[in-house]
């Protein structure tokens, strides 16, 4: 009897899951706000001893105005307890109207890193200021 109830739940849940996945895929270019001080990105790297290190990146909460545009500082830590964060000399800003995100270094170079306004067939030029 329990197996039948479990099977009913799976049969009812599976179409909802498939629909949700398809909807997410179809809307993958929808605008999503990148600058969120509650979010964190983690990057796992290996050092010379083949030990995995986790680099955590987050965005600060305070705005920095440069040329009338609001930027936020980008911070990083390798601390597993996430107690000690350091500013990595990068600023990030969003143009909410045009659905674009820009990254800027401290010498004033800025590059487009995300453009959620693009459609199929559009051409975009991404400038990676970290690779200059």
Protein backbone atom coordinates (compact mmCIF):
# COMPACT_ATOMS: atom_id res chain seq x y z
CA UNK A 1 0.00 0.00 0.00
CA UNK A 2 2.84 2.41 0.85
CA UNK A 3 4.53 1.69 -2.48
CA UNK A 4 1.37 2.63 -4.35
CA UNK A 5 1.13 5.94 -2.46
CA UNK A 6 4.79 6.67 -3.15
CA UNK A 7 4.29 5.91 -6.83
CA UNK A 8 1.29 8.28 -6.96
CA UNK A 9 3.37 11.07 -5.45
CA UNK A 10 6.19 10.46 -7.94
CA UNK A 11 3.78 10.36 -10.89
CA UNK A 12 2.17 13.62 -9.78
CA UNK A 13 5.46 15.32 -8.94
CA UNK A 14 7.39 14.34 -12.10
CA UNK A 15 5.33 16.43 -14.58
CA UNK A 16 5.64 19.45 -12.30
CA UNK A 17 9.41 19.00 -12.12
CA UNK A 18 9.72 18.62 -15.91
CA UNK A 19 7.56 21.70 -16.48
CA UNK A 20 9.68 23.71 -14.02
CA UNK A 21 12.92 22.65 -15.74
CA UNK A 22 11.57 23.50 -19.19
CA UNK A 23 10.31 26.88 -18.00
CA UNK A 24 13.70 27.66 -16.45
CA UNK A 25 15.49 26.69 -19.67
CA UNK A 26 13.14 28.68 -21.88
CA UNK A 27 13.53 31.78 -19.69
CA UNK A 28 17.27 31.43 -19.15
CA UNK A 29 17.96 34.88 -20.68
CA UNK A 30 15.52 36.65 -18.35
CA UNK A 31 17.01 39.40 -16.25
CA UNK A 32 18.41 38.32 -12.92
CA UNK A 33 19.86 40.86 -10.54
CA UNK A 34 23.57 40.04 -10.06
CA UNK A 35 24.35 42.66 -7.43
CA UNK A 36 23.00 41.08 -4.31
CA UNK A 37 24.95 41.42 -1.07
CA UNK A 38 23.38 38.24 0.31
CA UNK A 39 24.73 35.99 -2.46
CA UNK A 40 28.12 34.32 -2.60
CA UNK A 41 30.01 32.55 -5.38
CA UNK A 42 32.41 29.72 -4.60
CA UNK A 43 35.30 28.60 -6.81
CA UNK A 44 37.23 25.45 -5.99
CA UNK A 45 40.89 25.63 -6.97
CA UNK A 46 43.89 23.34 -6.50
CA UNK A 47 47.22 24.58 -5.22
CA UNK A 48 50.66 23.16 -5.92
CA UNK A 49 50.12 20.37 -3.35
CA UNK A 50 46.92 19.30 -5.15
CA UNK A 51 44.92 20.44 -2.14
CA UNK A 52 41.54 21.88 -2.99
CA UNK A 53 40.98 25.45 -1.85
CA UNK A 54 37.64 27.21 -1.94
CA UNK A 55 37.63 30.85 -2.96
CA UNK A 56 34.45 32.61 -1.88
CA UNK A 57 33.43 35.86 -3.57
CA UNK A 58 30.74 38.28 -2.43
CA UNK A 59 29.59 41.79 -3.19
CA UNK A 60 29.67 44.54 -0.58
CA UNK A 61 26.63 46.33 0.76
CA UNK A 62 27.73 49.97 0.41
CA UNK A 63 27.59 51.92 -2.84
CA UNK A 64 30.65 53.72 -4.19
CA UNK A 65 29.79 56.58 -6.58
CA UNK A 66 32.11 57.12 -9.54
CA UNK A 67 31.04 59.54 -12.24
CA UNK A 68 27.49 59.47 -10.96
CA UNK A 69 27.26 55.66 -11.24
CA UNK A 70 26.77 53.40 -8.21
CA UNK A 71 29.29 50.58 -7.85
CA UNK A 72 29.74 47.94 -5.18
CA UNK A 73 33.07 46.51 -4.01
CA UNK A 74 33.91 42.86 -4.67
CA UNK A 75 35.41 40.86 -1.80
CA UNK A 76 37.05 37.44 -1.49
CA UNK A 77 38.14 34.99 1.17
CA UNK A 78 39.82 31.60 1.41
CA UNK A 79 38.82 31.42 5.08
CA UNK A 80 36.52 28.39 5.55
CA UNK A 81 34.74 30.24 8.37
CA UNK A 82 34.30 33.31 6.12
CA UNK A 83 35.40 35.68 8.88
CA UNK A 84 38.18 37.51 7.01
CA UNK A 85 37.21 39.10 3.68
CA UNK A 86 39.49 41.28 1.56
CA UNK A 87 38.66 43.79 -1.18
CA UNK A 88 40.02 42.51 -4.50
CA UNK A 89 40.34 45.88 -6.28
CA UNK A 90 37.23 45.31 -8.39
CA UNK A 91 33.92 47.15 -8.52
CA UNK A 92 30.67 45.93 -10.05
CA UNK A 93 27.59 47.83 -11.21
CA UNK A 94 24.29 47.05 -12.85
CA UNK A 95 22.43 49.04 -15.46
CA UNK A 96 18.94 47.86 -14.56
CA UNK A 97 17.27 49.71 -17.45
CA UNK A 98 19.49 48.08 -20.10
CA UNK A 99 19.86 44.80 -18.16
CA UNK A 100 23.66 44.90 -18.24
CA UNK A 101 26.37 44.26 -15.62
CA UNK A 102 29.81 45.89 -15.68
CA UNK A 103 33.05 45.16 -13.85
CA UNK A 104 35.59 47.95 -13.20
CA UNK A 105 39.15 47.89 -11.88
CA UNK A 106 40.74 50.64 -9.82
CA UNK A 107 42.54 52.25 -12.76
CA UNK A 108 39.21 53.04 -14.42
CA UNK A 109 38.92 50.25 -16.99
CA UNK A 110 35.39 48.93 -17.23
CA UNK A 111 33.99 46.03 -19.17
CA UNK A 112 30.61 44.51 -19.88
CA UNK A 113 30.37 41.05 -18.28
CA UNK A 114 26.63 40.23 -18.62
CA UNK A 115 23.97 41.47 -21.03
CA UNK A 116 20.50 40.12 -20.34
CA UNK A 117 18.92 42.27 -23.08
CA UNK A 118 20.39 40.16 -25.90
CA UNK A 119 18.22 38.11 -28.20
CA UNK A 120 18.95 35.29 -30.60
CA UNK A 121 21.24 36.52 -33.38
CA UNK A 122 22.46 39.62 -31.49
CA UNK A 123 26.17 40.38 -31.42
CA UNK A 124 27.87 41.51 -28.23
CA UNK A 125 31.38 42.56 -27.32
CA UNK A 126 32.45 41.41 -23.87
CA UNK A 127 35.48 43.14 -22.36
CA UNK A 128 37.21 41.10 -19.70
CA UNK A 129 39.17 43.65 -17.67
CA UNK A 130 40.83 40.82 -15.74
CA UNK A 131 42.54 39.60 -18.91
CA UNK A 132 44.03 42.93 -20.01
